[in-house]
PDB file of all heavy atoms in Angstrom:
ATOM      1  N   GLY A   1     -90.159  -4.557  45.509  1.00  0.00           N
ATOM      2  CA  GLY A   1     -89.370  -4.904  44.331  1.00  0.00           C
ATOM      3  C   GLY A   1     -88.105  -4.070  44.224  1.00  0.00           C
ATOM      4  O   GLY A   1     -87.038  -4.573  43.855  1.00  0.00           O
ATOM      5  N   LEU A   2     -88.210  -2.794  44.560  1.00  0.00           N
ATOM      6  CA  LEU A   2     -87.033  -1.927  44.567  1.00  0.00           C
ATOM      7  C   LEU A   2     -86.037  -2.367  45.640  1.00  0.00           C
ATOM      8  O   LEU A   2     -84.822  -2.292  45.447  1.00  0.00           O
ATOM      9  CB  LEU A   2     -87.454  -0.474  44.808  1.00  0.00           C
ATOM     10  CG  LEU A   2     -88.224   0.197  43.670  1.00  0.00           C
ATOM     11  CD1 LEU A   2     -88.839   1.509  44.153  1.00  0.00           C
ATOM     12  CD2 LEU A   2     -87.309   0.466  42.483  1.00  0.00           C
ATOM     13  N   ARG A   3     -86.556  -2.814  46.756  1.00  0.00           N
ATOM     14  CA  ARG A   3     -85.658  -3.241  47.834  1.00  0.00           C
ATOM     15  C   ARG A   3     -84.818  -4.459  47.422  1.00  0.00           C
ATOM     16  O   ARG A   3     -83.700  -4.643  47.922  1.00  0.00           O
ATOM     17  CB  ARG A   3     -86.443  -3.539  49.117  1.00  0.00           C
ATOM     18  CG  ARG A   3     -85.526  -4.066  50.210  1.00  0.00           C
ATOM     19  CD  ARG A   3     -86.128  -4.113  51.565  1.00  0.00           C
ATOM     20  NE  ARG A   3     -85.344  -5.012  52.414  1.00  0.00           N
ATOM     21  CZ  ARG A   3     -85.376  -5.010  53.736  1.00  0.00           C
ATOM     22  NH1 ARG A   3     -86.153  -4.157  54.375  1.00  0.00           N
ATOM     23  NH2 ARG A   3     -84.656  -5.861  54.424  1.00  0.00           N
ATOM     24  N   ASP A   4     -85.326  -5.275  46.523  1.00  0.00           N
ATOM     25  CA  ASP A   4     -84.534  -6.403  46.021  1.00  0.00           C
ATOM     26  C   ASP A   4     -83.181  -5.914  45.499  1.00  0.00           C
ATOM     27  O   ASP A   4     -82.141  -6.542  45.732  1.00  0.00           O
ATOM     28  CB  ASP A   4     -85.276  -7.125  44.892  1.00  0.00           C
ATOM     29  CG  ASP A   4     -86.397  -8.015  45.406  1.00  0.00           C
ATOM     30  OD1 ASP A   4     -86.368  -8.386  46.587  1.00  0.00           O
ATOM     31  OD2 ASP A   4     -87.304  -8.331  44.610  1.00  0.00           O
ATOM     32  N   SER A   5     -83.195  -4.783  44.774  1.00  0.00           N
ATOM     33  CA  SER A   5     -81.943  -4.238  44.241  1.00  0.00           C
ATOM     34  C   SER A   5     -81.037  -3.752  45.359  1.00  0.00           C
ATOM     35  O   SER A   5     -79.807  -3.898  45.285  1.00  0.00           O
ATOM     36  CB  SER A   5     -82.239  -3.097  43.260  1.00  0.00           C
ATOM     37  OG  SER A   5     -82.846  -3.588  42.086  1.00  0.00           O
ATOM     38  N   LEU A   6     -81.632  -3.158  46.392  1.00  0.00           N
ATOM     39  CA  LEU A   6     -80.827  -2.719  47.541  1.00  0.00           C
ATOM     40  C   LEU A   6     -80.081  -3.890  48.157  1.00  0.00           C
ATOM     41  O   LEU A   6     -78.883  -3.780  48.472  1.00  0.00           O
ATOM     42  CB  LEU A   6     -81.726  -2.068  48.592  1.00  0.00           C
ATOM     43  CG  LEU A   6     -81.073  -1.812  49.958  1.00  0.00           C
ATOM     44  CD1 LEU A   6     -79.966  -0.760  49.848  1.00  0.00           C
ATOM     45  CD2 LEU A   6     -82.116  -1.383  50.990  1.00  0.00           C
ATOM     46  N   GLU A   7     -80.760  -5.013  48.326  1.00  0.00           N
ATOM     47  CA  GLU A   7     -80.113  -6.170  48.948  1.00  0.00           C
ATOM     48  C   GLU A   7     -78.947  -6.670  48.099  1.00  0.00           C
ATOM     49  O   GLU A   7     -77.904  -7.072  48.623  1.00  0.00           O
ATOM     50  CB  GLU A   7     -81.137  -7.278  49.169  1.00  0.00           C
ATOM     51  CG  GLU A   7     -82.259  -6.921  50.133  1.00  0.00           C
ATOM     52  CD  GLU A   7     -81.740  -6.491  51.498  1.00  0.00           C
ATOM     53  OE1 GLU A   7     -80.757  -7.084  51.989  1.00  0.00           O
ATOM     54  OE2 GLU A   7     -82.306  -5.540  52.067  1.00  0.00           O
ATOM     55  N   LEU A   8     -79.114  -6.652  46.768  1.00  0.00           N
ATOM     56  CA  LEU A   8     -78.018  -7.068  45.897  1.00  0.00           C
ATOM     57  C   LEU A   8     -76.844  -6.098  45.997  1.00  0.00           C
ATOM     58  O   LEU A   8     -75.681  -6.509  46.009  1.00  0.00           O
ATOM     59  CB  LEU A   8     -78.503  -7.140  44.441  1.00  0.00           C
ATOM     60  CG  LEU A   8     -79.551  -8.210  44.115  1.00  0.00           C
ATOM     61  CD1 LEU A   8     -79.930  -8.125  42.648  1.00  0.00           C
ATOM     62  CD2 LEU A   8     -79.028  -9.606  44.447  1.00  0.00           C
ATOM     63  N   ILE A   9     -77.139  -4.804  46.052  1.00  0.00           N
ATOM     64  CA  ILE A   9     -76.083  -3.797  46.162  1.00  0.00           C
ATOM     65  C   ILE A   9     -75.327  -3.966  47.479  1.00  0.00           C
ATOM     66  O   ILE A   9     -74.089  -3.916  47.509  1.00  0.00           O
ATOM     67  CB  ILE A   9     -76.686  -2.377  46.047  1.00  0.00           C
ATOM     68  CG1 ILE A   9     -77.130  -2.128  44.598  1.00  0.00           C
ATOM     69  CG2 ILE A   9     -75.693  -1.316  46.490  1.00  0.00           C
ATOM     70  CD1 ILE A   9     -77.954  -0.876  44.409  1.00  0.00           C
ATOM     71  N   LYS A  10     -76.056  -4.211  48.550  1.00  0.00           N
ATOM     72  CA  LYS A  10     -75.401  -4.435  49.844  1.00  0.00           C
ATOM     73  C   LYS A  10     -74.507  -5.663  49.786  1.00  0.00           C
ATOM     74  O   LYS A  10     -73.455  -5.717  50.421  1.00  0.00           O
ATOM     75  CB  LYS A  10     -76.465  -4.582  50.942  1.00  0.00           C
ATOM     76  CG  LYS A  10     -77.147  -3.272  51.303  1.00  0.00           C
ATOM     77  CD  LYS A  10     -78.436  -3.488  52.083  1.00  0.00           C
ATOM     78  CE  LYS A  10     -78.251  -4.236  53.367  1.00  0.00           C
ATOM     79  NZ  LYS A  10     -79.542  -4.353  54.126  1.00  0.00           N
ATOM     80  N   GLY A  11     -74.941  -6.656  48.999  1.00  0.00           N
ATOM     81  CA  GLY A  11     -74.155  -7.876  48.872  1.00  0.00           C
ATOM     82  C   GLY A  11     -72.814  -7.677  48.190  1.00  0.00           C
ATOM     83  O   GLY A  11     -71.917  -8.518  48.323  1.00  0.00           O
ATOM     84  N   THR A  12     -72.660  -6.583  47.444  1.00  0.00           N
ATOM     85  CA  THR A  12     -71.365  -6.294  46.807  1.00  0.00           C
ATOM     86  C   THR A  12     -70.418  -5.557  47.753  1.00  0.00           C
ATOM     87  O   THR A  12     -69.286  -5.254  47.374  1.00  0.00           O
ATOM     88  CB  THR A  12     -71.552  -5.443  45.535  1.00  0.00           C
ATOM     89  OG1 THR A  12     -72.002  -4.125  45.882  1.00  0.00           O
ATOM     90  CG2 THR A  12     -72.522  -6.100  44.577  1.00  0.00           C
ATOM     91  N   GLY A  13     -70.893  -5.263  48.963  1.00  0.00           N
ATOM     92  CA  GLY A  13     -70.048  -4.571  49.940  1.00  0.00           C
ATOM     93  C   GLY A  13     -70.265  -3.079  50.009  1.00  0.00           C
ATOM     94  O   GLY A  13     -69.556  -2.387  50.742  1.00  0.00           O
ATOM     95  N   VAL A  14     -71.236  -2.558  49.256  1.00  0.00           N
ATOM     96  CA  VAL A  14     -71.544  -1.129  49.307  1.00  0.00           C
ATOM     97  C   VAL A  14     -72.440  -0.866  50.508  1.00  0.00           C
ATOM     98  O   VAL A  14     -73.481  -1.508  50.672  1.00  0.00           O
ATOM     99  CB  VAL A  14     -72.241  -0.661  48.014  1.00  0.00           C
ATOM    100  CG1 VAL A  14     -72.710   0.783  48.135  1.00  0.00           C
ATOM    101  CG2 VAL A  14     -71.298  -0.809  46.836  1.00  0.00           C
ATOM    102  N   CYS A  15     -72.052   0.064  51.351  1.00  0.00           N
ATOM    103  CA  CYS A  15     -72.834   0.428  52.524  1.00  0.00           C
ATOM    104  C   CYS A  15     -73.570   1.739  52.253  1.00  0.00           C
ATOM    105  O   CYS A  15     -73.015   2.650  51.639  1.00  0.00           O
ATOM    106  CB  CYS A  15     -71.939   0.588  53.751  1.00  0.00           C
ATOM    107  SG  CYS A  15     -71.086  -0.927  54.231  1.00  0.00           S
ATOM    108  N   THR A  16     -74.804   1.818  52.712  1.00  0.00           N
ATOM    109  CA  THR A  16     -75.585   3.024  52.479  1.00  0.00           C
ATOM    110  C   THR A  16     -76.450   3.343  53.681  1.00  0.00           C
ATOM    111  O   THR A  16     -76.907   2.438  54.380  1.00  0.00           O
ATOM    112  CB  THR A  16     -76.465   2.876  51.221  1.00  0.00           C
ATOM    113  OG1 THR A  16     -77.183   4.081  50.991  1.00  0.00           O
ATOM    114  CG2 THR A  16     -77.447   1.734  51.368  1.00  0.00           C
ATOM    115  N   ASP A  17     -76.662   4.636  53.932  1.00  0.00           N
ATOM    116  CA  ASP A  17     -77.539   5.048  55.022  1.00  0.00           C
ATOM    117  C   ASP A  17     -78.563   6.094  54.586  1.00  0.00           C
ATOM    118  O   ASP A  17     -79.404   6.510  55.368  1.00  0.00           O
ATOM    119  CB  ASP A  17     -76.723   5.594  56.204  1.00  0.00           C
ATOM    120  CG  ASP A  17     -75.808   6.749  55.797  1.00  0.00           C
ATOM    121  OD1 ASP A  17     -76.016   7.345  54.721  1.00  0.00           O
ATOM    122  OD2 ASP A  17     -74.882   7.065  56.579  1.00  0.00           O
ATOM    123  N   THR A  18     -78.497   6.506  53.318  1.00  0.00           N
ATOM    124  CA  THR A  18     -79.370   7.574  52.825  1.00  0.00           C
ATOM    125  C   THR A  18     -79.843   7.266  51.413  1.00  0.00           C
ATOM    126  O   THR A  18     -79.076   6.757  50.592  1.00  0.00           O
ATOM    127  CB  THR A  18     -78.633   8.930  52.818  1.00  0.00           C
ATOM    128  OG1 THR A  18     -78.171   9.216  54.133  1.00  0.00           O
ATOM    129  CG2 THR A  18     -79.547  10.056  52.348  1.00  0.00           C
ATOM    130  N   ILE A  19     -81.105   7.570  51.138  1.00  0.00           N
ATOM    131  CA  ILE A  19     -81.671   7.461  49.801  1.00  0.00           C
ATOM    132  C   ILE A  19     -82.040   8.851  49.314  1.00  0.00           C
ATOM    133  O   ILE A  19     -82.587   9.654  50.081  1.00  0.00           O
ATOM    134  CB  ILE A  19     -82.941   6.582  49.798  1.00  0.00           C
ATOM    135  CG1 ILE A  19     -82.618   5.149  50.198  1.00  0.00           C
ATOM    136  CG2 ILE A  19     -83.629   6.608  48.439  1.00  0.00           C
ATOM    137  CD1 ILE A  19     -83.858   4.307  50.433  1.00  0.00           C
ATOM    138  N   ARG A  20     -81.747   9.136  48.057  1.00  0.00           N
ATOM    139  CA  ARG A  20     -82.260  10.343  47.419  1.00  0.00           C
ATOM    140  C   ARG A  20     -83.197   9.925  46.295  1.00  0.00           C
ATOM    141  O   ARG A  20     -82.805   9.189  45.398  1.00  0.00           O
ATOM    142  CB  ARG A  20     -81.119  11.224  46.897  1.00  0.00           C
ATOM    143  CG  ARG A  20     -80.397  11.933  48.035  1.00  0.00           C
ATOM    144  CD  ARG A  20     -79.354  12.906  47.551  1.00  0.00           C
ATOM    145  NE  ARG A  20     -78.787  13.635  48.687  1.00  0.00           N
ATOM    146  CZ  ARG A  20     -77.722  14.412  48.619  1.00  0.00           C
ATOM    147  NH1 ARG A  20     -77.102  14.588  47.454  1.00  0.00           N
ATOM    148  NH2 ARG A  20     -77.277  15.036  49.692  1.00  0.00           N
ATOM    149  N   VAL A  21     -84.444  10.389  46.356  1.00  0.00           N
ATOM    150  CA  VAL A  21     -85.455   9.963  45.393  1.00  0.00           C
ATOM    151  C   VAL A  21     -85.653  11.024  44.319  1.00  0.00           C
ATOM    152  O   VAL A  21     -85.502  12.219  44.562  1.00  0.00           O
ATOM    153  CB  VAL A  21     -86.801   9.657  46.080  1.00  0.00           C
ATOM    154  CG1 VAL A  21     -86.679   8.457  46.987  1.00  0.00           C
ATOM    155  CG2 VAL A  21     -87.315  10.866  46.840  1.00  0.00           C
ATOM    156  N   SER A  22     -86.005  10.566  43.117  1.00  0.00           N
ATOM    157  CA  SER A  22     -86.299  11.467  42.010  1.00  0.00           C
ATOM    158  C   SER A  22     -87.388  10.844  41.156  1.00  0.00           C
ATOM    159  O   SER A  22     -87.799   9.701  41.381  1.00  0.00           O
ATOM    160  CB  SER A  22     -85.050  11.726  41.161  1.00  0.00           C
ATOM    161  OG  SER A  22     -84.592  10.516  40.563  1.00  0.00           O
ATOM    162  N   GLY A  23     -87.864  11.584  40.169  1.00  0.00           N
ATOM    163  CA  GLY A  23     -88.926  11.093  39.307  1.00  0.00           C
ATOM    164  C   GLY A  23     -90.296  11.491  39.824  1.00  0.00           C
ATOM    165  O   GLY A  23     -90.439  12.085  40.900  1.00  0.00           O
ATOM    166  N   GLY A  24     -91.328  11.131  39.069  1.00  0.00           N
ATOM    167  CA  GLY A  24     -92.682  11.529  39.425  1.00  0.00           C
ATOM    168  C   GLY A  24     -93.125  11.042  40.788  1.00  0.00           C
ATOM    169  O   GLY A  24     -93.844  11.736  41.518  1.00  0.00           O
ATOM    170  N   GLY A  25     -92.690   9.840  41.165  1.00  0.00           N
ATOM    171  CA  GLY A  25     -93.085   9.295  42.457  1.00  0.00           C
ATOM    172  C   GLY A  25     -92.537  10.066  43.640  1.00  0.00           C
ATOM    173  O   GLY A  25     -93.057   9.957  44.758  1.00  0.00           O
ATOM    174  N   ALA A  26     -91.499  10.864  43.410  1.00  0.00           N
ATOM    175  CA  ALA A  26     -90.895  11.643  44.503  1.00  0.00           C
ATOM    176  C   ALA A  26     -91.816  12.757  44.991  1.00  0.00           C
ATOM    177  O   ALA A  26     -91.543  13.381  46.017  1.00  0.00           O
ATOM    178  CB  ALA A  26     -89.566  12.235  44.041  1.00  0.00           C
ATOM    179  N   LYS A  27     -92.909  13.008  44.263  1.00  0.00           N
ATOM    180  CA  LYS A  27     -93.866  14.027  44.694  1.00  0.00           C
ATOM    181  C   LYS A  27     -94.778  13.526  45.803  1.00  0.00           C
ATOM    182  O   LYS A  27     -95.473  14.323  46.441  1.00  0.00           O
ATOM    183  CB  LYS A  27     -94.708  14.479  43.494  1.00  0.00           C
ATOM    184  CG  LYS A  27     -93.896  15.081  42.358  1.00  0.00           C
ATOM    185  CD  LYS A  27     -94.772  15.367  41.147  1.00  0.00           C
ATOM    186  CE  LYS A  27     -93.944  15.884  39.967  1.00  0.00           C
ATOM    187  NZ  LYS A  27     -94.784  16.093  38.753  1.00  0.00           N
ATOM    188  N   SER A  28     -94.796  12.213  46.023  1.00  0.00           N
ATOM    189  CA  SER A  28     -95.709  11.620  46.995  1.00  0.00           C
ATOM    190  C   SER A  28     -95.053  11.474  48.365  1.00  0.00           C
ATOM    191  O   SER A  28     -94.076  10.737  48.525  1.00  0.00           O
ATOM    192  CB  SER A  28     -96.168  10.240  46.511  1.00  0.00           C
ATOM    193  OG  SER A  28     -96.828   9.542  47.552  1.00  0.00           O
ATOM    194  N   ASN A  29     -95.598  12.154  49.360  1.00  0.00           N
ATOM    195  CA  ASN A  29     -95.080  12.016  50.722  1.00  0.00           C
ATOM    196  C   ASN A  29     -95.314  10.621  51.275  1.00  0.00           C
ATOM    197  O   ASN A  29     -94.470  10.071  51.987  1.00  0.00           O
ATOM    198  CB  ASN A  29     -95.739  13.055  51.631  1.00  0.00           C
ATOM    199  CG  ASN A  29     -95.207  14.450  51.402  1.00  0.00           C
ATOM    200  OD1 ASN A  29     -94.001  14.647  51.259  1.00  0.00           O
ATOM    201  ND2 ASN A  29     -96.090  15.435  51.358  1.00  0.00           N
ATOM    202  N   LEU A  30     -96.470  10.027  50.940  1.00  0.00           N
ATOM    203  CA  LEU A  30     -96.752   8.675  51.415  1.00  0.00           C
ATOM    204  C   LEU A  30     -95.745   7.685  50.863  1.00  0.00           C
ATOM    205  O   LEU A  30     -95.214   6.843  51.595  1.00  0.00           O
ATOM    206  CB  LEU A  30     -98.166   8.259  51.001  1.00  0.00           C
ATOM    207  CG  LEU A  30     -98.510   6.797  51.322  1.00  0.00           C
ATOM    208  CD1 LEU A  30     -98.587   6.577  52.817  1.00  0.00           C
ATOM    209  CD2 LEU A  30     -99.823   6.384  50.649  1.00  0.00           C
ATOM    210  N   TRP A  31     -95.462   7.789  49.567  1.00  0.00           N
ATOM    211  CA  TRP A  31     -94.548   6.832  48.950  1.00  0.00           C
ATOM    212  C   TRP A  31     -93.134   7.003  49.498  1.00  0.00           C
ATOM    213  O   TRP A  31     -92.432   6.020  49.759  1.00  0.00           O
ATOM    214  CB  TRP A  31     -94.551   6.987  47.429  1.00  0.00           C
ATOM    215  CG  TRP A  31     -94.110   5.740  46.707  1.00  0.00           C
ATOM    216  CD1 TRP A  31     -93.580   4.621  47.268  1.00  0.00           C
ATOM    217  CD2 TRP A  31     -94.181   5.493  45.300  1.00  0.00           C
ATOM    218  NE1 TRP A  31     -93.295   3.686  46.296  1.00  0.00           N
ATOM    219  CE2 TRP A  31     -93.668   4.199  45.092  1.00  0.00           C
ATOM    220  CE3 TRP A  31     -94.622   6.235  44.212  1.00  0.00           C
ATOM    221  CZ2 TRP A  31     -93.569   3.643  43.820  1.00  0.00           C
ATOM    222  CZ3 TRP A  31     -94.536   5.672  42.947  1.00  0.00           C
ATOM    223  CH2 TRP A  31     -94.008   4.389  42.750  1.00  0.00           C
ATOM    224  N   LYS A  32     -92.701   8.227  49.699  1.00  0.00           N
ATOM    225  CA  LYS A  32     -91.359   8.450  50.257  1.00  0.00           C
ATOM    226  C   LYS A  32     -91.253   7.874  51.670  1.00  0.00           C
ATOM    227  O   LYS A  32     -90.232   7.274  52.033  1.00  0.00           O
ATOM    228  CB  LYS A  32     -91.024   9.938  50.238  1.00  0.00           C
ATOM    229  CG  LYS A  32     -90.756  10.477  48.845  1.00  0.00           C
ATOM    230  CD  LYS A  32     -90.249  11.905  48.866  1.00  0.00           C
ATOM    231  CE  LYS A  32     -91.325  12.886  49.266  1.00  0.00           C
ATOM    232  NZ  LYS A  32     -90.863  14.295  49.129  1.00  0.00           N
ATOM    233  N   GLN A  33     -92.308   8.040  52.469  1.00  0.00           N
ATOM    234  CA  GLN A  33     -92.285   7.468  53.816  1.00  0.00           C
ATOM    235  C   GLN A  33     -92.276   5.949  53.749  1.00  0.00           C
ATOM    236  O   GLN A  33     -91.586   5.277  54.526  1.00  0.00           O
ATOM    237  CB  GLN A  33     -93.492   7.946  54.614  1.00  0.00           C
ATOM    238  CG  GLN A  33     -93.507   7.470  56.063  1.00  0.00           C
ATOM    239  CD  GLN A  33     -92.299   7.960  56.842  1.00  0.00           C
ATOM    240  OE1 GLN A  33     -92.051   9.161  56.916  1.00  0.00           O
ATOM    241  NE2 GLN A  33     -91.537   7.039  57.427  1.00  0.00           N
ATOM    242  N   MET A  34     -93.023   5.389  52.799  1.00  0.00           N
ATOM    243  CA  MET A  34     -93.056   3.940  52.637  1.00  0.00           C
ATOM    244  C   MET A  34     -91.679   3.399  52.261  1.00  0.00           C
ATOM    245  O   MET A  34     -91.251   2.343  52.754  1.00  0.00           O
ATOM    246  CB  MET A  34     -94.090   3.575  51.565  1.00  0.00           C
ATOM    247  CG  MET A  34     -94.362   2.100  51.432  1.00  0.00           C
ATOM    248  SD  MET A  34     -95.615   1.773  50.159  1.00  0.00           S
ATOM    249  CE  MET A  34     -97.090   2.378  50.980  1.00  0.00           C
ATOM    250  N   ILE A  35     -90.964   4.111  51.402  1.00  0.00           N
ATOM    251  CA  ILE A  35     -89.608   3.696  51.024  1.00  0.00           C
ATOM    252  C   ILE A  35     -88.697   3.723  52.247  1.00  0.00           C
ATOM    253  O   ILE A  35     -87.914   2.802  52.483  1.00  0.00           O
ATOM    254  CB  ILE A  35     -89.061   4.599  49.911  1.00  0.00           C
ATOM    255  CG1 ILE A  35     -89.821   4.363  48.612  1.00  0.00           C
ATOM    256  CG2 ILE A  35     -87.571   4.337  49.682  1.00  0.00           C
ATOM    257  CD1 ILE A  35     -89.502   5.350  47.510  1.00  0.00           C
ATOM    258  N   ALA A  36     -88.811   4.784  53.051  1.00  0.00           N
ATOM    259  CA  ALA A  36     -88.000   4.871  54.269  1.00  0.00           C
ATOM    260  C   ALA A  36     -88.282   3.688  55.191  1.00  0.00           C
ATOM    261  O   ALA A  36     -87.362   3.094  55.767  1.00  0.00           O
ATOM    262  CB  ALA A  36     -88.284   6.188  54.992  1.00  0.00           C
ATOM    263  N   ASP A  37     -89.558   3.317  55.316  1.00  0.00           N
ATOM    264  CA  ASP A  37     -89.938   2.224  56.213  1.00  0.00           C
ATOM    265  C   ASP A  37     -89.503   0.863  55.685  1.00  0.00           C
ATOM    266  O   ASP A  37     -89.006   0.018  56.438  1.00  0.00           O
ATOM    267  CB  ASP A  37     -91.458   2.224  56.419  1.00  0.00           C
ATOM    268  CG  ASP A  37     -91.965   3.486  57.104  1.00  0.00           C
ATOM    269  OD1 ASP A  37     -91.171   4.139  57.799  1.00  0.00           O
ATOM    270  OD2 ASP A  37     -93.156   3.819  56.937  1.00  0.00           O
ATOM    271  N   ILE A  38     -89.691   0.611  54.386  1.00  0.00           N
ATOM    272  CA  ILE A  38     -89.370  -0.699  53.815  1.00  0.00           C
ATOM    273  C   ILE A  38     -87.865  -0.872  53.628  1.00  0.00           C
ATOM    274  O   ILE A  38     -87.314  -1.956  53.840  1.00  0.00           O
ATOM    275  CB  ILE A  38     -90.130  -0.902  52.488  1.00  0.00           C
ATOM    276  CG1 ILE A  38     -91.625  -1.073  52.780  1.00  0.00           C
ATOM    277  CG2 ILE A  38     -89.601  -2.103  51.704  1.00  0.00           C
ATOM    278  CD1 ILE A  38     -92.504  -1.203  51.550  1.00  0.00           C
ATOM    279  N   PHE A  39     -87.171   0.192  53.227  1.00  0.00           N
ATOM    280  CA  PHE A  39     -85.718   0.127  53.065  1.00  0.00           C
ATOM    281  C   PHE A  39     -84.999   0.282  54.409  1.00  0.00           C
ATOM    282  O   PHE A  39     -83.824  -0.047  54.514  1.00  0.00           O
ATOM    283  CB  PHE A  39     -85.240   1.226  52.118  1.00  0.00           C
ATOM    284  CG  PHE A  39     -85.401   0.933  50.657  1.00  0.00           C
ATOM    285  CD1 PHE A  39     -86.626   0.569  50.130  1.00  0.00           C
ATOM    286  CD2 PHE A  39     -84.335   1.055  49.797  1.00  0.00           C
ATOM    287  CE1 PHE A  39     -86.779   0.321  48.779  1.00  0.00           C
ATOM    288  CE2 PHE A  39     -84.466   0.807  48.437  1.00  0.00           C
ATOM    289  CZ  PHE A  39     -85.700   0.433  47.931  1.00  0.00           C
ATOM    290  N   ASN A  40     -85.702   0.816  55.414  1.00  0.00           N
ATOM    291  CA  ASN A  40     -85.096   1.133  56.716  1.00  0.00           C
ATOM    292  C   ASN A  40     -83.909   2.085  56.548  1.00  0.00           C
ATOM    293  O   ASN A  40     -82.839   1.894  57.117  1.00  0.00           O
ATOM    294  CB  ASN A  40     -84.665  -0.138  57.453  1.00  0.00           C
ATOM    295  CG  ASN A  40     -84.297   0.149  58.911  1.00  0.00           C
ATOM    296  OD1 ASN A  40     -84.752   1.138  59.494  1.00  0.00           O
ATOM    297  ND2 ASN A  40     -83.463  -0.699  59.492  1.00  0.00           N
TER     298      ASN A  40
END
């Protein structure tokens, strides 16, 4: 669901190669790795 927003942002011409995570979920190593894998 979060990746849906990434695709829309890319559609506006914004290029990105790095994500910085914050919030409670940022404490999870599994979730951060999953974001890296799904967002590529």
